[in-house]
Amino acid sequence: MFTAFVMIQTERRRTQEVARRLAEVSGVAEVYSVTGEWDIIAVLRLKDYQDLADTVTGAMVEIPGIVRTNTHLAFRAYPQSLLERSFSVGLEDDPAAGGQGPRA
């Protein structure tokens, strides 16, 4: 099993409709509306690369309102505990301050 992220641009005013249709596609695990250059990010969880082709170039092209896609394959997933530690760098208690909270 592998994970792919598909960034999707939609026609104006069709983002919600496209997102609802994407959520119904086999292999699409999650759908997010986002800010920035892309309107939607779809998270795919698939068994093999043929499923990727069937999903992105098969099922998704049938959804009206999709203007452009960009697909990224995940190489590695990191455990949540490791991610939480990396985002808290610099927030440990400062021994010089008597352990009274984050460092300045």
N, C-alpha and C. Protein backbone atom coordinates (compact mmCIF):
# COMPACT_ATOMS: atom_id res chain seq x y z
N MET A 1 0.86 -1.18 0.00
CA MET A 1 0.00 0.00 0.00
C MET A 1 0.89 1.23 0.00
N PHE A 2 0.46 2.27 -0.72
CA PHE A 2 1.21 3.52 -0.72
C PHE A 2 0.24 4.70 -0.69
N THR A 3 0.80 5.88 -0.41
CA THR A 3 0.01 7.10 -0.29
C THR A 3 0.44 8.07 -1.38
N ALA A 4 -0.54 8.74 -1.96
CA ALA A 4 -0.28 9.79 -2.95
C ALA A 4 -1.10 11.02 -2.57
N PHE A 5 -0.56 12.17 -2.86
CA PHE A 5 -1.24 13.44 -2.63
C PHE A 5 -1.51 14.06 -3.99
N VAL A 6 -2.76 14.40 -4.26
CA VAL A 6 -3.11 15.01 -5.54
C VAL A 6 -3.59 16.43 -5.27
N MET A 7 -2.81 17.41 -5.79
CA MET A 7 -3.22 18.80 -5.71
C MET A 7 -4.12 19.07 -6.90
N ILE A 8 -5.23 19.77 -6.64
CA ILE A 8 -6.25 19.94 -7.68
C ILE A 8 -6.68 21.40 -7.76
N GLN A 9 -6.69 21.94 -8.98
CA GLN A 9 -7.30 23.24 -9.24
C GLN A 9 -8.67 22.98 -9.84
N THR A 10 -9.64 23.78 -9.41
CA THR A 10 -11.01 23.62 -9.90
C THR A 10 -11.48 24.88 -10.60
N GLU A 11 -12.54 24.73 -11.35
CA GLU A 11 -13.21 25.90 -11.93
C GLU A 11 -13.80 26.71 -10.77
N ARG A 12 -13.91 28.00 -11.00
CA ARG A 12 -14.51 28.86 -9.97
C ARG A 12 -15.88 28.35 -9.55
N ARG A 13 -16.14 28.42 -8.29
CA ARG A 13 -17.44 28.06 -7.71
C ARG A 13 -17.78 26.57 -7.82
N ARG A 14 -16.81 25.72 -8.17
CA ARG A 14 -17.11 24.28 -8.26
C ARG A 14 -16.31 23.46 -7.25
N THR A 15 -15.56 24.13 -6.39
CA THR A 15 -14.68 23.43 -5.46
C THR A 15 -15.46 22.46 -4.56
N GLN A 16 -16.56 22.91 -3.98
CA GLN A 16 -17.32 22.02 -3.09
C GLN A 16 -17.89 20.82 -3.83
N GLU A 17 -18.41 21.05 -4.99
CA GLU A 17 -18.96 19.96 -5.81
C GLU A 17 -17.86 18.95 -6.16
N VAL A 18 -16.70 19.46 -6.60
CA VAL A 18 -15.59 18.59 -6.95
C VAL A 18 -15.13 17.80 -5.71
N ALA A 19 -15.01 18.46 -4.57
CA ALA A 19 -14.58 17.79 -3.34
C ALA A 19 -15.53 16.66 -2.96
N ARG A 20 -16.83 16.91 -3.06
CA ARG A 20 -17.82 15.85 -2.74
C ARG A 20 -17.68 14.66 -3.68
N ARG A 21 -17.49 14.94 -4.95
CA ARG A 21 -17.33 13.85 -5.94
C ARG A 21 -16.04 13.07 -5.70
N LEU A 22 -14.96 13.79 -5.37
CA LEU A 22 -13.68 13.13 -5.09
C LEU A 22 -13.79 12.18 -3.91
N ALA A 23 -14.51 12.60 -2.88
CA ALA A 23 -14.66 11.78 -1.68
C ALA A 23 -15.33 10.45 -1.97
N GLU A 24 -16.05 10.36 -3.07
CA GLU A 24 -16.75 9.13 -3.44
C GLU A 24 -15.89 8.19 -4.29
N VAL A 25 -14.73 8.66 -4.74
CA VAL A 25 -13.87 7.86 -5.62
C VAL A 25 -13.14 6.80 -4.80
N SER A 26 -13.13 5.58 -5.28
CA SER A 26 -12.42 4.49 -4.62
C SER A 26 -10.93 4.82 -4.54
N GLY A 27 -10.35 4.64 -3.37
CA GLY A 27 -8.93 4.93 -3.17
C GLY A 27 -8.67 6.30 -2.59
N VAL A 28 -9.65 7.20 -2.65
CA VAL A 28 -9.49 8.53 -2.06
C VAL A 28 -9.85 8.43 -0.58
N ALA A 29 -8.83 8.62 0.27
CA ALA A 29 -9.02 8.47 1.72
C ALA A 29 -9.49 9.76 2.39
N GLU A 30 -8.97 10.90 1.91
CA GLU A 30 -9.30 12.19 2.51
C GLU A 30 -9.31 13.26 1.43
N VAL A 31 -10.13 14.29 1.64
CA VAL A 31 -10.20 15.42 0.71
C VAL A 31 -10.22 16.70 1.54
N TYR A 32 -9.35 17.63 1.19
CA TYR A 32 -9.26 18.90 1.91
C TYR A 32 -9.38 20.07 0.94
N SER A 33 -10.15 21.09 1.32
CA SER A 33 -10.08 22.36 0.59
C SER A 33 -8.96 23.14 1.27
N VAL A 34 -8.14 23.82 0.45
CA VAL A 34 -6.95 24.48 0.99
C VAL A 34 -6.79 25.87 0.38
N THR A 35 -5.91 26.64 0.97
CA THR A 35 -5.58 27.96 0.43
C THR A 35 -4.38 27.83 -0.49
N GLY A 36 -4.13 28.86 -1.26
CA GLY A 36 -2.95 28.88 -2.11
C GLY A 36 -3.26 28.59 -3.55
N GLU A 37 -2.26 28.12 -4.26
CA GLU A 37 -2.37 27.87 -5.69
C GLU A 37 -3.37 26.77 -6.02
N TRP A 38 -3.50 25.79 -5.14
CA TRP A 38 -4.41 24.66 -5.35
C TRP A 38 -5.67 24.86 -4.54
N ASP A 39 -6.77 24.32 -5.01
CA ASP A 39 -8.06 24.45 -4.32
C ASP A 39 -8.36 23.27 -3.41
N ILE A 40 -7.86 22.10 -3.80
CA ILE A 40 -8.16 20.86 -3.08
C ILE A 40 -6.90 20.01 -3.03
N ILE A 41 -6.72 19.30 -1.92
CA ILE A 41 -5.72 18.24 -1.86
C ILE A 41 -6.46 16.95 -1.51
N ALA A 42 -6.27 15.94 -2.34
CA ALA A 42 -6.85 14.62 -2.10
C ALA A 42 -5.73 13.68 -1.67
N VAL A 43 -5.99 12.94 -0.59
CA VAL A 43 -5.04 11.94 -0.11
C VAL A 43 -5.53 10.58 -0.58
N LEU A 44 -4.69 9.91 -1.35
CA LEU A 44 -5.05 8.59 -1.88
C LEU A 44 -4.27 7.52 -1.14
N ARG A 45 -4.93 6.42 -0.82
CA ARG A 45 -4.28 5.25 -0.24
C ARG A 45 -4.59 4.10 -1.18
N LEU A 46 -3.55 3.62 -1.86
CA LEU A 46 -3.75 2.67 -2.95
C LEU A 46 -2.87 1.44 -2.79
N LYS A 47 -3.32 0.33 -3.39
CA LYS A 47 -2.58 -0.92 -3.32
C LYS A 47 -1.41 -0.98 -4.28
N ASP A 48 -1.61 -0.50 -5.50
CA ASP A 48 -0.54 -0.58 -6.49
C ASP A 48 -0.63 0.58 -7.47
N TYR A 49 0.38 0.68 -8.32
CA TYR A 49 0.47 1.82 -9.23
C TYR A 49 -0.61 1.81 -10.31
N GLN A 50 -1.13 0.66 -10.64
CA GLN A 50 -2.25 0.60 -11.58
C GLN A 50 -3.47 1.31 -10.99
N ASP A 51 -3.66 1.15 -9.66
CA ASP A 51 -4.75 1.86 -8.99
C ASP A 51 -4.56 3.37 -9.09
N LEU A 52 -3.31 3.82 -9.04
CA LEU A 52 -3.03 5.26 -9.17
C LEU A 52 -3.46 5.75 -10.54
N ALA A 53 -3.11 5.02 -11.56
CA ALA A 53 -3.50 5.40 -12.92
C ALA A 53 -5.02 5.37 -13.06
N ASP A 54 -5.65 4.34 -12.53
CA ASP A 54 -7.11 4.24 -12.63
C ASP A 54 -7.80 5.38 -11.90
N THR A 55 -7.24 5.80 -10.78
CA THR A 55 -7.86 6.85 -9.97
C THR A 55 -7.63 8.24 -10.57
N VAL A 56 -6.37 8.57 -10.84
CA VAL A 56 -6.05 9.94 -11.28
C VAL A 56 -6.41 10.17 -12.74
N THR A 57 -5.99 9.27 -13.62
CA THR A 57 -6.25 9.50 -15.04
C THR A 57 -7.53 8.83 -15.52
N GLY A 58 -8.17 8.09 -14.63
CA GLY A 58 -9.44 7.46 -14.96
C GLY A 58 -10.60 8.16 -14.29
N ALA A 59 -10.78 7.90 -13.01
CA ALA A 59 -11.95 8.41 -12.27
C ALA A 59 -11.94 9.93 -12.13
N MET A 60 -10.79 10.51 -11.82
CA MET A 60 -10.75 11.96 -11.58
C MET A 60 -11.01 12.78 -12.84
N VAL A 61 -10.57 12.30 -13.99
CA VAL A 61 -10.81 13.08 -15.21
C VAL A 61 -12.29 13.11 -15.58
N GLU A 62 -13.07 12.23 -15.01
CA GLU A 62 -14.51 12.20 -15.27
C GLU A 62 -15.28 13.21 -14.42
N ILE A 63 -14.61 13.82 -13.44
CA ILE A 63 -15.30 14.77 -12.55
C ILE A 63 -15.29 16.16 -13.18
N PRO A 64 -16.46 16.70 -13.50
CA PRO A 64 -16.53 18.04 -14.08
C PRO A 64 -16.03 19.08 -13.08
N GLY A 65 -15.28 20.05 -13.58
CA GLY A 65 -14.82 21.14 -12.73
C GLY A 65 -13.35 21.06 -12.36
N ILE A 66 -12.70 19.91 -12.61
CA ILE A 66 -11.27 19.81 -12.35
C ILE A 66 -10.53 20.42 -13.55
N VAL A 67 -9.68 21.40 -13.25
CA VAL A 67 -8.93 22.10 -14.29
C VAL A 67 -7.53 21.52 -14.45
N ARG A 68 -6.90 21.19 -13.31
CA ARG A 68 -5.50 20.76 -13.35
C ARG A 68 -5.19 19.94 -12.11
N THR A 69 -4.32 18.94 -12.25
CA THR A 69 -3.88 18.16 -11.09
C THR A 69 -2.36 18.07 -11.08
N ASN A 70 -1.83 17.77 -9.91
CA ASN A 70 -0.40 17.56 -9.72
C ASN A 70 -0.27 16.49 -8.65
N THR A 71 0.33 15.35 -8.99
CA THR A 71 0.37 14.19 -8.10
C THR A 71 1.75 14.01 -7.49
N HIS A 72 1.77 13.75 -6.18
CA HIS A 72 3.01 13.51 -5.44
C HIS A 72 2.89 12.18 -4.70
N LEU A 73 3.92 11.33 -4.82
CA LEU A 73 3.93 10.06 -4.10
C LEU A 73 4.70 10.22 -2.80
N ALA A 74 4.20 9.62 -1.73
CA ALA A 74 4.89 9.66 -0.44
C ALA A 74 5.95 8.57 -0.42
N PHE A 75 7.15 8.92 0.04
CA PHE A 75 8.23 7.94 0.19
C PHE A 75 8.16 7.27 1.56
N ARG A 76 7.92 8.07 2.60
CA ARG A 76 8.01 7.58 3.96
C ARG A 76 7.02 8.33 4.84
N ALA A 77 6.43 7.62 5.79
CA ALA A 77 5.56 8.24 6.79
C ALA A 77 6.31 8.26 8.11
N TYR A 78 6.18 9.34 8.84
CA TYR A 78 6.85 9.47 10.13
C TYR A 78 5.83 9.35 11.24
N PRO A 79 6.21 8.68 12.34
CA PRO A 79 5.25 8.54 13.45
C PRO A 79 4.87 9.89 14.03
N GLN A 80 3.65 10.01 14.50
CA GLN A 80 3.14 11.26 15.06
C GLN A 80 4.03 11.76 16.19
N SER A 81 4.52 10.86 17.04
CA SER A 81 5.35 11.28 18.17
C SER A 81 6.63 11.96 17.69
N LEU A 82 7.22 11.47 16.61
CA LEU A 82 8.43 12.07 16.05
C LEU A 82 8.12 13.46 15.49
N LEU A 83 6.97 13.59 14.82
CA LEU A 83 6.58 14.89 14.27
C LEU A 83 6.33 15.90 15.38
N GLU A 84 5.68 15.47 16.46
CA GLU A 84 5.40 16.39 17.57
C GLU A 84 6.70 16.88 18.19
N ARG A 85 7.68 16.00 18.32
CA ARG A 85 8.97 16.41 18.87
C ARG A 85 9.67 17.42 17.98
N SER A 86 9.64 17.21 16.67
CA SER A 86 10.35 18.11 15.77
C SER A 86 9.72 19.49 15.73
N PHE A 87 8.41 19.59 15.94
CA PHE A 87 7.74 20.88 15.92
C PHE A 87 7.84 21.61 17.26
N SER A 88 8.32 20.93 18.29
CA SER A 88 8.44 21.58 19.59
C SER A 88 9.88 21.98 19.89
N VAL A 89 10.76 21.94 18.90
CA VAL A 89 12.15 22.33 19.10
C VAL A 89 12.20 23.77 19.60
N GLY A 90 12.94 23.99 20.68
CA GLY A 90 13.06 25.33 21.25
C GLY A 90 12.00 25.64 22.27
N LEU A 91 11.07 24.72 22.50
CA LEU A 91 10.02 24.96 23.47
C LEU A 91 10.25 24.20 24.78
N GLU A 92 11.41 23.53 24.89
CA GLU A 92 11.71 22.80 26.11
C GLU A 92 11.94 23.79 27.24
N ASP A 93 11.83 23.26 28.48
CA ASP A 93 12.11 24.10 29.64
C ASP A 93 13.57 24.52 29.63
N ASP A 94 13.83 25.76 29.99
CA ASP A 94 15.19 26.30 30.04
C ASP A 94 15.72 26.10 31.45
N PRO A 95 16.74 25.22 31.62
CA PRO A 95 17.27 24.99 32.95
C PRO A 95 17.83 26.26 33.59
N ALA A 96 18.38 27.17 32.80
CA ALA A 96 18.94 28.42 33.34
C ALA A 96 17.83 29.30 33.91
N ALA A 97 16.60 29.12 33.43
CA ALA A 97 15.48 29.92 33.93
C ALA A 97 14.72 29.15 35.02
N GLY A 98 15.35 28.10 35.53
CA GLY A 98 14.71 27.34 36.60
C GLY A 98 13.60 26.45 36.09
N GLY A 99 13.64 26.09 34.80
CA GLY A 99 12.61 25.21 34.26
C GLY A 99 11.25 25.87 34.19
N GLN A 100 11.21 27.16 33.98
CA GLN A 100 9.97 27.92 34.05
C GLN A 100 9.27 28.12 32.71
N GLY A 101 9.52 27.29 31.71
CA GLY A 101 8.79 27.44 30.46
C GLY A 101 9.72 27.54 29.26
N PRO A 102 9.17 28.01 28.15
CA PRO A 102 9.94 28.08 26.91
C PRO A 102 11.09 29.06 26.99
N ARG A 103 12.09 28.76 26.19
CA ARG A 103 13.23 29.68 26.08
C ARG A 103 12.85 30.91 25.29
N ALA A 104 13.46 32.02 25.61
CA ALA A 104 13.20 33.25 24.88
C ALA A 104 14.07 33.37 23.67
